[in-house]
Amino acid sequence: MRIAFLPTIGVGHALTALVGKSIGAGQPERALREARIAFIVTTLYMGALSALYLLWGGTLIGWFNDSPEVVRIGAAVMVCAAVFQLFDAAGITYSAALRGAGDTFWPALFFVGSQWSIIVGGGFLAAGLWPQWGSLGPWWASATLIIVTALFLWWRWRSRAWMKIDIFRSRRPRNDGPPTDEPLPAEHTLAPGC
């Protein structure tokens, strides 16, 4: 699974920088385009791995352990992974885009609430109410968290609330007097090529 999400996280880091740069250049529409392209790339990549997990999950587990019981349980877990992979691509992409736009407060509150309610609460309920599921109960709680998180982050990005955030507000010089032709101090200018 690390082969799946680590490259996607790398794309997310690049997207954070691109979105921040686009917003800094006053081009939020470019940020929307960059997020859309990153979403397509990560979804295609994670989608291909989801198909691999669905079709050959048991075989993949068998490479690491030849116990029939471990392969049976692992193959079922791979079905969970196949389901949440596509949503994980969206979650990673839109989380990165929102970070680049400076929209971190509401996603952070959502993360804290959803982690505690879905992972801790849902995992506890699944283990207590459906013990026959074994390890799959908490895995499905994790899959639910990833799906809900991806949908929230996608909605937050699509709402464009991030376009109202002024991430440069504290860096802008105060306007205490009439406009002048004096250049900005060095800390308020970009280096050449930025």
N, C-alpha and C. Protein backbone atom coordinates (compact mmCIF):
# COMPACT_ATOMS: atom_id res chain seq x y z
N MET A 1 0.82 -1.20 0.00
CA MET A 1 0.00 0.00 0.00
C MET A 1 0.86 1.26 0.00
N ARG A 2 2.08 1.17 0.56
CA ARG A 2 2.96 2.34 0.52
C ARG A 2 3.34 2.68 -0.92
N ILE A 3 3.46 1.66 -1.75
CA ILE A 3 3.73 1.91 -3.17
C ILE A 3 2.61 2.73 -3.77
N ALA A 4 1.41 2.58 -3.24
CA ALA A 4 0.26 3.32 -3.76
C ALA A 4 0.25 4.76 -3.26
N PHE A 5 0.32 4.94 -1.94
CA PHE A 5 0.06 6.30 -1.46
C PHE A 5 1.28 7.22 -1.38
N LEU A 6 2.49 6.69 -1.29
CA LEU A 6 3.64 7.60 -1.21
C LEU A 6 3.85 8.43 -2.48
N PRO A 7 3.78 7.84 -3.69
CA PRO A 7 3.87 8.70 -4.88
C PRO A 7 2.72 9.72 -4.95
N THR A 8 1.55 9.32 -4.47
CA THR A 8 0.41 10.23 -4.47
C THR A 8 0.66 11.39 -3.50
N ILE A 9 1.26 11.10 -2.36
CA ILE A 9 1.62 12.16 -1.42
C ILE A 9 2.65 13.09 -2.06
N GLY A 10 3.58 12.53 -2.83
CA GLY A 10 4.55 13.37 -3.55
C GLY A 10 3.86 14.32 -4.52
N VAL A 11 2.88 13.80 -5.26
CA VAL A 11 2.09 14.66 -6.17
C VAL A 11 1.37 15.73 -5.34
N GLY A 12 0.87 15.33 -4.17
CA GLY A 12 0.19 16.30 -3.30
C GLY A 12 1.11 17.42 -2.85
N HIS A 13 2.35 17.09 -2.49
CA HIS A 13 3.30 18.15 -2.08
C HIS A 13 3.56 19.11 -3.24
N ALA A 14 3.73 18.56 -4.43
CA ALA A 14 3.94 19.42 -5.59
C ALA A 14 2.71 20.30 -5.83
N LEU A 15 1.53 19.72 -5.67
CA LEU A 15 0.29 20.48 -5.88
C LEU A 15 0.15 21.60 -4.86
N THR A 16 0.53 21.35 -3.61
CA THR A 16 0.48 22.41 -2.60
C THR A 16 1.29 23.62 -3.05
N ALA A 17 2.49 23.37 -3.55
CA ALA A 17 3.35 24.46 -4.02
C ALA A 17 2.75 25.15 -5.24
N LEU A 18 2.22 24.36 -6.17
CA LEU A 18 1.64 24.95 -7.38
C LEU A 18 0.43 25.82 -7.07
N VAL A 19 -0.44 25.33 -6.21
CA VAL A 19 -1.63 26.10 -5.84
C VAL A 19 -1.23 27.38 -5.14
N GLY A 20 -0.29 27.29 -4.20
CA GLY A 20 0.18 28.50 -3.52
C GLY A 20 0.78 29.51 -4.48
N LYS A 21 1.55 29.03 -5.42
CA LYS A 21 2.17 29.91 -6.42
C LYS A 21 1.10 30.55 -7.31
N SER A 22 0.11 29.78 -7.71
CA SER A 22 -0.97 30.31 -8.56
C SER A 22 -1.77 31.38 -7.82
N ILE A 23 -2.06 31.11 -6.56
CA ILE A 23 -2.81 32.09 -5.77
C ILE A 23 -1.95 33.33 -5.55
N GLY A 24 -0.67 33.14 -5.27
CA GLY A 24 0.22 34.27 -5.10
C GLY A 24 0.33 35.12 -6.35
N ALA A 25 0.16 34.49 -7.52
CA ALA A 25 0.20 35.22 -8.79
C ALA A 25 -1.16 35.81 -9.13
N GLY A 26 -2.16 35.60 -8.24
CA GLY A 26 -3.49 36.14 -8.50
C GLY A 26 -4.25 35.36 -9.56
N GLN A 27 -3.95 34.05 -9.69
CA GLN A 27 -4.59 33.22 -10.71
C GLN A 27 -5.27 32.00 -10.09
N PRO A 28 -6.37 32.22 -9.37
CA PRO A 28 -7.04 31.08 -8.73
C PRO A 28 -7.60 30.08 -9.75
N GLU A 29 -7.94 30.53 -10.94
CA GLU A 29 -8.45 29.59 -11.95
C GLU A 29 -7.36 28.60 -12.36
N ARG A 30 -6.11 29.07 -12.37
CA ARG A 30 -5.00 28.15 -12.66
C ARG A 30 -4.87 27.12 -11.55
N ALA A 31 -5.10 27.54 -10.31
CA ALA A 31 -5.06 26.60 -9.18
C ALA A 31 -6.13 25.53 -9.34
N LEU A 32 -7.31 25.91 -9.80
CA LEU A 32 -8.38 24.93 -10.05
C LEU A 32 -7.95 23.92 -11.11
N ARG A 33 -7.33 24.40 -12.16
CA ARG A 33 -6.86 23.54 -13.24
C ARG A 33 -5.77 22.58 -12.73
N GLU A 34 -4.85 23.09 -11.95
CA GLU A 34 -3.76 22.26 -11.42
C GLU A 34 -4.31 21.15 -10.51
N ALA A 35 -5.29 21.50 -9.68
CA ALA A 35 -5.89 20.49 -8.81
C ALA A 35 -6.62 19.42 -9.63
N ARG A 36 -7.29 19.85 -10.67
CA ARG A 36 -8.02 18.89 -11.53
C ARG A 36 -7.03 17.92 -12.20
N ILE A 37 -5.93 18.45 -12.71
CA ILE A 37 -4.93 17.59 -13.36
C ILE A 37 -4.31 16.63 -12.34
N ALA A 38 -3.98 17.13 -11.15
CA ALA A 38 -3.40 16.27 -10.12
C ALA A 38 -4.40 15.19 -9.71
N PHE A 39 -5.67 15.54 -9.62
CA PHE A 39 -6.69 14.56 -9.27
C PHE A 39 -6.76 13.45 -10.33
N ILE A 40 -6.71 13.82 -11.59
CA ILE A 40 -6.75 12.82 -12.66
C ILE A 40 -5.54 11.89 -12.58
N VAL A 41 -4.35 12.47 -12.38
CA VAL A 41 -3.12 11.67 -12.30
C VAL A 41 -3.18 10.71 -11.11
N THR A 42 -3.53 11.22 -9.93
CA THR A 42 -3.55 10.36 -8.75
C THR A 42 -4.65 9.31 -8.83
N THR A 43 -5.79 9.66 -9.41
CA THR A 43 -6.88 8.69 -9.53
C THR A 43 -6.53 7.58 -10.51
N LEU A 44 -5.90 7.92 -11.62
CA LEU A 44 -5.49 6.88 -12.56
C LEU A 44 -4.47 5.93 -11.92
N TYR A 45 -3.52 6.51 -11.22
CA TYR A 45 -2.49 5.69 -10.56
C TYR A 45 -3.10 4.79 -9.49
N MET A 46 -3.86 5.39 -8.59
CA MET A 46 -4.47 4.61 -7.50
C MET A 46 -5.52 3.65 -8.04
N GLY A 47 -6.21 4.04 -9.11
CA GLY A 47 -7.20 3.15 -9.71
C GLY A 47 -6.56 1.90 -10.28
N ALA A 48 -5.41 2.06 -10.92
CA ALA A 48 -4.70 0.89 -11.46
C ALA A 48 -4.30 -0.05 -10.32
N LEU A 49 -3.84 0.51 -9.21
CA LEU A 49 -3.46 -0.34 -8.08
C LEU A 49 -4.69 -0.96 -7.41
N SER A 50 -5.81 -0.25 -7.41
CA SER A 50 -7.05 -0.83 -6.87
C SER A 50 -7.45 -2.05 -7.67
N ALA A 51 -7.34 -1.97 -8.98
CA ALA A 51 -7.67 -3.13 -9.82
C ALA A 51 -6.73 -4.29 -9.51
N LEU A 52 -5.47 -3.97 -9.31
CA LEU A 52 -4.49 -5.00 -8.95
C LEU A 52 -4.86 -5.67 -7.63
N TYR A 53 -5.24 -4.87 -6.64
CA TYR A 53 -5.62 -5.41 -5.34
C TYR A 53 -6.87 -6.28 -5.44
N LEU A 54 -7.83 -5.82 -6.24
CA LEU A 54 -9.08 -6.58 -6.39
C LEU A 54 -8.84 -7.91 -7.10
N LEU A 55 -8.09 -7.86 -8.17
CA LEU A 55 -7.91 -9.06 -8.99
C LEU A 55 -6.88 -10.04 -8.42
N TRP A 56 -5.81 -9.53 -7.83
CA TRP A 56 -4.72 -10.40 -7.39
C TRP A 56 -4.29 -10.13 -5.95
N GLY A 57 -5.22 -9.64 -5.12
CA GLY A 57 -4.87 -9.34 -3.73
C GLY A 57 -4.35 -10.55 -2.97
N GLY A 58 -5.02 -11.67 -3.13
CA GLY A 58 -4.57 -12.89 -2.45
C GLY A 58 -3.19 -13.33 -2.90
N THR A 59 -2.94 -13.21 -4.19
CA THR A 59 -1.62 -13.57 -4.72
C THR A 59 -0.54 -12.67 -4.13
N LEU A 60 -0.83 -11.37 -4.05
CA LEU A 60 0.14 -10.43 -3.47
C LEU A 60 0.45 -10.78 -2.02
N ILE A 61 -0.60 -11.09 -1.26
CA ILE A 61 -0.39 -11.48 0.15
C ILE A 61 0.43 -12.77 0.21
N GLY A 62 0.16 -13.70 -0.70
CA GLY A 62 0.87 -14.98 -0.74
C GLY A 62 2.36 -14.83 -0.97
N TRP A 63 2.79 -13.75 -1.59
CA TRP A 63 4.22 -13.51 -1.78
C TRP A 63 4.94 -13.30 -0.45
N PHE A 64 4.19 -12.81 0.55
CA PHE A 64 4.80 -12.48 1.84
C PHE A 64 4.54 -13.53 2.92
N ASN A 65 3.50 -14.34 2.72
CA ASN A 65 3.16 -15.35 3.73
C ASN A 65 2.40 -16.48 3.04
N ASP A 66 2.79 -17.70 3.28
CA ASP A 66 2.14 -18.82 2.58
C ASP A 66 1.06 -19.51 3.42
N SER A 67 0.73 -18.96 4.58
CA SER A 67 -0.34 -19.52 5.40
C SER A 67 -1.69 -19.26 4.72
N PRO A 68 -2.49 -20.30 4.47
CA PRO A 68 -3.79 -20.10 3.83
C PRO A 68 -4.70 -19.15 4.61
N GLU A 69 -4.63 -19.19 5.93
CA GLU A 69 -5.47 -18.31 6.76
C GLU A 69 -5.05 -16.85 6.59
N VAL A 70 -3.75 -16.61 6.60
CA VAL A 70 -3.24 -15.24 6.42
C VAL A 70 -3.59 -14.74 5.02
N VAL A 71 -3.46 -15.57 4.01
CA VAL A 71 -3.79 -15.18 2.64
C VAL A 71 -5.29 -14.87 2.53
N ARG A 72 -6.13 -15.68 3.19
CA ARG A 72 -7.58 -15.44 3.15
C ARG A 72 -7.94 -14.10 3.79
N ILE A 73 -7.40 -13.84 4.97
CA ILE A 73 -7.67 -12.57 5.67
C ILE A 73 -7.07 -11.41 4.89
N GLY A 74 -5.83 -11.57 4.43
CA GLY A 74 -5.17 -10.50 3.68
C GLY A 74 -5.88 -10.16 2.39
N ALA A 75 -6.42 -11.18 1.70
CA ALA A 75 -7.15 -10.93 0.46
C ALA A 75 -8.40 -10.10 0.73
N ALA A 76 -9.07 -10.37 1.87
CA ALA A 76 -10.25 -9.58 2.24
C ALA A 76 -9.87 -8.14 2.57
N VAL A 77 -8.74 -7.97 3.25
CA VAL A 77 -8.26 -6.61 3.55
C VAL A 77 -7.91 -5.88 2.26
N MET A 78 -7.38 -6.60 1.28
CA MET A 78 -7.04 -5.98 0.00
C MET A 78 -8.29 -5.46 -0.72
N VAL A 79 -9.44 -6.09 -0.49
CA VAL A 79 -10.69 -5.57 -1.06
C VAL A 79 -11.00 -4.21 -0.43
N CYS A 80 -10.82 -4.10 0.88
CA CYS A 80 -10.99 -2.79 1.55
C CYS A 80 -10.06 -1.76 0.94
N ALA A 81 -8.80 -2.16 0.76
CA ALA A 81 -7.81 -1.24 0.19
C ALA A 81 -8.19 -0.83 -1.22
N ALA A 82 -8.71 -1.76 -2.00
CA ALA A 82 -9.11 -1.45 -3.37
C ALA A 82 -10.23 -0.41 -3.38
N VAL A 83 -11.14 -0.51 -2.40
CA VAL A 83 -12.25 0.43 -2.32
C VAL A 83 -11.75 1.81 -1.90
N PHE A 84 -10.93 1.87 -0.84
CA PHE A 84 -10.57 3.20 -0.35
C PHE A 84 -9.46 3.86 -1.14
N GLN A 85 -8.73 3.12 -1.98
CA GLN A 85 -7.63 3.71 -2.75
C GLN A 85 -8.10 4.90 -3.61
N LEU A 86 -9.20 4.72 -4.32
CA LEU A 86 -9.68 5.79 -5.21
C LEU A 86 -10.05 7.03 -4.40
N PHE A 87 -10.67 6.80 -3.26
CA PHE A 87 -11.04 7.94 -2.41
C PHE A 87 -9.79 8.55 -1.77
N ASP A 88 -8.81 7.73 -1.47
CA ASP A 88 -7.56 8.24 -0.91
C ASP A 88 -6.87 9.18 -1.90
N ALA A 89 -6.94 8.86 -3.18
CA ALA A 89 -6.36 9.74 -4.21
C ALA A 89 -7.02 11.11 -4.15
N ALA A 90 -8.34 11.13 -4.03
CA ALA A 90 -9.06 12.41 -3.95
C ALA A 90 -8.72 13.14 -2.65
N GLY A 91 -8.69 12.39 -1.54
CA GLY A 91 -8.41 13.02 -0.25
C GLY A 91 -7.03 13.65 -0.21
N ILE A 92 -6.04 12.93 -0.69
CA ILE A 92 -4.67 13.45 -0.69
C ILE A 92 -4.57 14.66 -1.62
N THR A 93 -5.18 14.57 -2.78
CA THR A 93 -5.12 15.67 -3.75
C THR A 93 -5.78 16.93 -3.21
N TYR A 94 -7.00 16.83 -2.73
CA TYR A 94 -7.72 18.03 -2.30
C TYR A 94 -7.22 18.56 -0.96
N SER A 95 -6.68 17.69 -0.11
CA SER A 95 -6.04 18.17 1.11
C SER A 95 -4.83 19.03 0.76
N ALA A 96 -4.04 18.56 -0.20
CA ALA A 96 -2.85 19.32 -0.64
C ALA A 96 -3.25 20.64 -1.29
N ALA A 97 -4.28 20.61 -2.11
CA ALA A 97 -4.73 21.84 -2.78
C ALA A 97 -5.22 22.85 -1.76
N LEU A 98 -5.97 22.39 -0.77
CA LEU A 98 -6.48 23.31 0.26
C LEU A 98 -5.34 23.89 1.09
N ARG A 99 -4.33 23.06 1.40
CA ARG A 99 -3.16 23.57 2.13
C ARG A 99 -2.46 24.66 1.34
N GLY A 100 -2.31 24.44 0.03
CA GLY A 100 -1.67 25.44 -0.81
C GLY A 100 -2.45 26.74 -0.86
N ALA A 101 -3.77 26.63 -0.69
CA ALA A 101 -4.63 27.82 -0.70
C ALA A 101 -4.74 28.45 0.67
N GLY A 102 -4.13 27.83 1.67
CA GLY A 102 -4.19 28.38 3.03
C GLY A 102 -5.45 28.00 3.77
N ASP A 103 -6.23 27.08 3.24
CA ASP A 103 -7.47 26.64 3.87
C ASP A 103 -7.18 25.41 4.72
N THR A 104 -6.77 25.65 5.97
CA THR A 104 -6.36 24.55 6.84
C THR A 104 -7.20 24.42 8.10
N PHE A 105 -7.88 25.49 8.50
CA PHE A 105 -8.60 25.46 9.79
C PHE A 105 -9.76 24.46 9.78
N TRP A 106 -10.69 24.59 8.84
CA TRP A 106 -11.85 23.69 8.81
C TRP A 106 -11.47 22.25 8.48
N PRO A 107 -10.55 22.03 7.54
CA PRO A 107 -10.10 20.64 7.35
C PRO A 107 -9.47 20.05 8.61
N ALA A 108 -8.71 20.84 9.37
CA ALA A 108 -8.10 20.32 10.59
C ALA A 108 -9.16 19.93 11.61
N LEU A 109 -10.17 20.77 11.78
CA LEU A 109 -11.27 20.43 12.70
C LEU A 109 -11.98 19.16 12.24
N PHE A 110 -12.20 19.06 10.94
CA PHE A 110 -12.85 17.87 10.40
C PHE A 110 -12.01 16.63 10.66
N PHE A 111 -10.69 16.73 10.44
CA PHE A 111 -9.81 15.59 10.65
C PHE A 111 -9.88 15.09 12.10
N VAL A 112 -9.81 16.01 13.05
CA VAL A 112 -9.85 15.61 14.46
C VAL A 112 -11.18 14.92 14.77
N GLY A 113 -12.28 15.55 14.37
CA GLY A 113 -13.59 14.96 14.66
C GLY A 113 -13.82 13.63 13.98
N SER A 114 -13.44 13.54 12.72
CA SER A 114 -13.69 12.30 11.98
C SER A 114 -12.78 11.17 12.44
N GLN A 115 -11.54 11.47 12.78
CA GLN A 115 -10.63 10.43 13.27
C GLN A 115 -11.18 9.80 14.55
N TRP A 116 -11.61 10.67 15.46
CA TRP A 116 -12.13 10.14 16.72
C TRP A 116 -13.46 9.43 16.55
N SER A 117 -14.35 9.99 15.77
CA SER A 117 -15.67 9.38 15.65
C SER A 117 -15.68 8.14 14.76
N ILE A 118 -14.99 8.20 13.62
CA ILE A 118 -15.07 7.08 12.68
C ILE A 118 -14.04 6.00 12.98
N ILE A 119 -12.79 6.38 13.19
CA ILE A 119 -11.76 5.37 13.44
C ILE A 119 -11.90 4.80 14.86
N VAL A 120 -11.86 5.67 15.86
CA VAL A 120 -11.91 5.16 17.23
C VAL A 120 -13.31 4.63 17.53
N GLY A 121 -14.33 5.46 17.32
CA GLY A 121 -15.69 5.03 17.61
C GLY A 121 -16.16 3.91 16.69
N GLY A 122 -15.96 4.09 15.38
CA GLY A 122 -16.40 3.08 14.42
C GLY A 122 -15.65 1.77 14.56
N GLY A 123 -14.35 1.85 14.76
CA GLY A 123 -13.56 0.64 14.96
C GLY A 123 -13.97 -0.10 16.22
N PHE A 124 -14.23 0.65 17.30
CA PHE A 124 -14.67 0.05 18.55
C PHE A 124 -16.04 -0.62 18.36
N LEU A 125 -16.96 0.08 17.71
CA LEU A 125 -18.29 -0.49 17.47
C LEU A 125 -18.22 -1.74 16.60
N ALA A 126 -17.43 -1.65 15.53
CA ALA A 126 -17.30 -2.80 14.63
C ALA A 126 -16.74 -4.01 15.36
N ALA A 127 -15.73 -3.79 16.19
CA ALA A 127 -15.13 -4.90 16.93
C ALA A 127 -16.09 -5.45 17.98
N GLY A 128 -16.89 -4.56 18.60
CA GLY A 128 -17.81 -4.99 19.65
C GLY A 128 -19.11 -5.58 19.12
N LEU A 129 -19.68 -4.97 18.09
CA LEU A 129 -20.98 -5.42 17.57
C LEU A 129 -20.87 -6.56 16.57
N TRP A 130 -19.79 -6.59 15.83
CA TRP A 130 -19.62 -7.63 14.80
C TRP A 130 -18.26 -8.31 14.96
N PRO A 131 -18.05 -8.98 16.08
CA PRO A 131 -16.74 -9.61 16.30
C PRO A 131 -16.42 -10.68 15.25
N GLN A 132 -17.45 -11.22 14.61
CA GLN A 132 -17.22 -12.23 13.58
C GLN A 132 -16.48 -11.65 12.37
N TRP A 133 -16.48 -10.32 12.23
CA TRP A 133 -15.75 -9.69 11.13
C TRP A 133 -14.24 -9.75 11.35
N GLY A 134 -13.85 -9.93 12.60
CA GLY A 134 -12.42 -9.97 12.91
C GLY A 134 -11.75 -8.64 12.57
N SER A 135 -10.60 -8.72 11.93
CA SER A 135 -9.85 -7.50 11.60
C SER A 135 -10.53 -6.66 10.53
N LEU A 136 -11.49 -7.24 9.80
CA LEU A 136 -12.16 -6.49 8.75
C LEU A 136 -13.03 -5.35 9.28
N GLY A 137 -13.56 -5.50 10.50
CA GLY A 137 -14.38 -4.43 11.08
C GLY A 137 -13.62 -3.11 11.17
N PRO A 138 -12.48 -3.09 11.85
CA PRO A 138 -11.70 -1.85 11.89
C PRO A 138 -11.20 -1.41 10.51
N TRP A 139 -10.90 -2.37 9.62
CA TRP A 139 -10.48 -1.98 8.28
C TRP A 139 -11.62 -1.27 7.53
N TRP A 140 -12.84 -1.75 7.67
CA TRP A 140 -13.96 -1.07 7.02
C TRP A 140 -14.22 0.28 7.67
N ALA A 141 -13.97 0.41 8.97
CA ALA A 141 -14.07 1.72 9.61
C ALA A 141 -13.04 2.67 9.01
N SER A 142 -11.83 2.17 8.78
CA SER A 142 -10.79 2.99 8.14
C SER A 142 -11.18 3.38 6.73
N ALA A 143 -11.74 2.42 5.98
CA ALA A 143 -12.18 2.73 4.62
C ALA A 143 -13.27 3.79 4.64
N THR A 144 -14.18 3.69 5.61
CA THR A 144 -15.25 4.69 5.74
C THR A 144 -14.66 6.07 6.02
N LEU A 145 -13.67 6.12 6.90
CA LEU A 145 -13.01 7.41 7.19
C LEU A 145 -12.42 8.01 5.93
N ILE A 146 -11.72 7.22 5.16
CA ILE A 146 -11.07 7.73 3.95
C ILE A 146 -12.11 8.22 2.94
N ILE A 147 -13.20 7.50 2.80
CA ILE A 147 -14.26 7.90 1.87
C ILE A 147 -14.91 9.21 2.33
N VAL A 148 -15.27 9.29 3.61
CA VAL A 148 -15.91 10.50 4.14
C VAL A 148 -14.96 11.69 4.05
N THR A 149 -13.70 11.48 4.37
CA THR A 149 -12.70 12.56 4.30
C THR A 149 -12.54 13.06 2.87
N ALA A 150 -12.44 12.14 1.93
CA ALA A 150 -12.29 12.53 0.52
C ALA A 150 -13.49 13.34 0.05
N LEU A 151 -14.67 12.91 0.41
CA LEU A 151 -15.88 13.65 0.00
C LEU A 151 -15.92 15.04 0.63
N PHE A 152 -15.53 15.14 1.90
CA PHE A 152 -15.50 16.45 2.56
C PHE A 152 -14.48 17.38 1.89
N LEU A 153 -13.28 16.88 1.66
CA LEU A 153 -12.23 17.72 1.07
C LEU A 153 -12.60 18.14 -0.36
N TRP A 154 -13.17 17.21 -1.12
CA TRP A 154 -13.63 17.54 -2.47
C TRP A 154 -14.68 18.63 -2.38
N TRP A 155 -15.65 18.49 -1.49
CA TRP A 155 -16.71 19.50 -1.34
C TRP A 155 -16.11 20.85 -0.92
N ARG A 156 -15.17 20.82 0.01
CA ARG A 156 -14.55 22.06 0.50
C ARG A 156 -13.82 22.77 -0.65
N TRP A 157 -13.10 22.03 -1.48
CA TRP A 157 -12.41 22.62 -2.62
C TRP A 157 -13.41 23.18 -3.62
N ARG A 158 -14.45 22.40 -3.92
CA ARG A 158 -15.46 22.83 -4.89
C ARG A 158 -16.26 24.03 -4.40
N SER A 159 -16.39 24.21 -3.09
CA SER A 159 -17.14 25.34 -2.56
C SER A 159 -16.43 26.67 -2.83
N ARG A 160 -15.14 26.59 -3.10
CA ARG A 160 -14.29 27.75 -3.36
C ARG A 160 -14.19 28.71 -2.17
N ALA A 161 -14.47 28.21 -0.99
CA ALA A 161 -14.31 29.04 0.21
C ALA A 161 -12.86 29.48 0.35
N TRP A 162 -11.94 28.68 -0.14
CA TRP A 162 -10.51 29.01 -0.08
C TRP A 162 -10.18 30.26 -0.88
N MET A 163 -11.02 30.62 -1.85
CA MET A 163 -10.75 31.82 -2.65
C MET A 163 -10.95 33.09 -1.83
N LYS A 164 -11.63 32.99 -0.70
CA LYS A 164 -11.87 34.17 0.15
C LYS A 164 -10.77 34.36 1.19
N ILE A 165 -9.86 33.40 1.27
CA ILE A 165 -8.78 33.47 2.25
C ILE A 165 -7.63 34.29 1.67
N ASP A 166 -7.15 35.26 2.46
CA ASP A 166 -6.02 36.08 2.03
C ASP A 166 -4.77 35.58 2.77
N ILE A 167 -4.05 34.68 2.13
CA ILE A 167 -2.89 34.08 2.80
C ILE A 167 -1.71 35.04 2.93
N PHE A 168 -1.79 36.18 2.26
CA PHE A 168 -0.70 37.15 2.31
C PHE A 168 -1.04 38.36 3.18
N ARG A 169 -2.16 38.33 3.88
CA ARG A 169 -2.64 39.47 4.66
C ARG A 169 -1.58 39.96 5.65
N SER A 170 -0.94 39.07 6.37
CA SER A 170 0.02 39.51 7.39
C SER A 170 1.33 39.99 6.79
N ARG A 171 1.59 39.71 5.54
CA ARG A 171 2.84 40.13 4.89
C ARG A 171 2.70 41.42 4.12
N ARG A 172 1.47 41.87 3.92
CA ARG A 172 1.24 43.06 3.13
C ARG A 172 1.61 44.31 3.94
N PRO A 173 2.29 45.27 3.33
CA PRO A 173 2.62 46.50 4.08
C PRO A 173 1.34 47.26 4.40
N ARG A 174 1.36 47.92 5.57
CA ARG A 174 0.20 48.72 5.97
C ARG A 174 0.13 49.96 5.10
N ASN A 175 -1.06 50.38 4.82
CA ASN A 175 -1.28 51.59 4.02
C ASN A 175 -1.69 52.71 4.96
N ASP A 176 -0.68 53.39 5.55
CA ASP A 176 -0.95 54.44 6.53
C ASP A 176 -0.99 55.84 5.91
N GLY A 177 -0.71 55.96 4.68
CA GLY A 177 -0.67 57.29 4.10
C GLY A 177 -0.99 57.25 2.62
N PRO A 178 -0.74 58.37 1.96
CA PRO A 178 -1.02 58.42 0.53
C PRO A 178 -0.07 57.50 -0.24
N PRO A 179 -0.50 57.01 -1.40
CA PRO A 179 0.38 56.15 -2.19
C PRO A 179 1.65 56.88 -2.60
N THR A 180 2.73 56.14 -2.66
CA THR A 180 4.01 56.72 -3.07
C THR A 180 4.59 55.86 -4.18
N ASP A 181 5.60 56.39 -4.84
CA ASP A 181 6.30 55.64 -5.87
C ASP A 181 7.51 54.91 -5.32
N GLU A 182 7.67 54.92 -3.99
CA GLU A 182 8.82 54.25 -3.39
C GLU A 182 8.67 52.74 -3.56
N PRO A 183 9.76 52.05 -3.85
CA PRO A 183 9.69 50.58 -3.96
C PRO A 183 9.40 49.95 -2.60
N LEU A 184 8.84 48.76 -2.64
CA LEU A 184 8.57 48.02 -1.41
C LEU A 184 9.89 47.61 -0.77
N PRO A 185 9.90 47.47 0.55
CA PRO A 185 11.11 46.94 1.20
C PRO A 185 11.41 45.54 0.67
N ALA A 186 12.64 45.11 0.80
CA ALA A 186 13.10 43.84 0.23
C ALA A 186 12.26 42.66 0.69
N GLU A 187 11.79 42.66 1.95
CA GLU A 187 11.03 41.50 2.42
C GLU A 187 9.64 41.40 1.78
N HIS A 188 9.21 42.40 1.03
CA HIS A 188 7.90 42.38 0.37
C HIS A 188 8.00 42.17 -1.13
N THR A 189 9.16 41.82 -1.61
CA THR A 189 9.31 41.57 -3.04
C THR A 189 9.72 40.13 -3.26
N LEU A 190 9.43 39.63 -4.42
CA LEU A 190 9.82 38.27 -4.77
C LEU A 190 11.19 38.29 -5.42
N ALA A 191 11.89 37.22 -5.21
CA ALA A 191 13.18 37.08 -5.88
C ALA A 191 12.96 36.92 -7.37
N PRO A 192 13.93 37.28 -8.21
CA PRO A 192 13.76 37.09 -9.64
C PRO A 192 13.45 35.64 -9.97
N GLY A 193 12.50 35.44 -10.85
CA GLY A 193 12.12 34.11 -11.28
C GLY A 193 11.03 33.47 -10.45
N CYS A 194 10.57 34.12 -9.38
CA CYS A 194 9.51 33.52 -8.53
C CYS A 194 8.15 33.97 -9.02
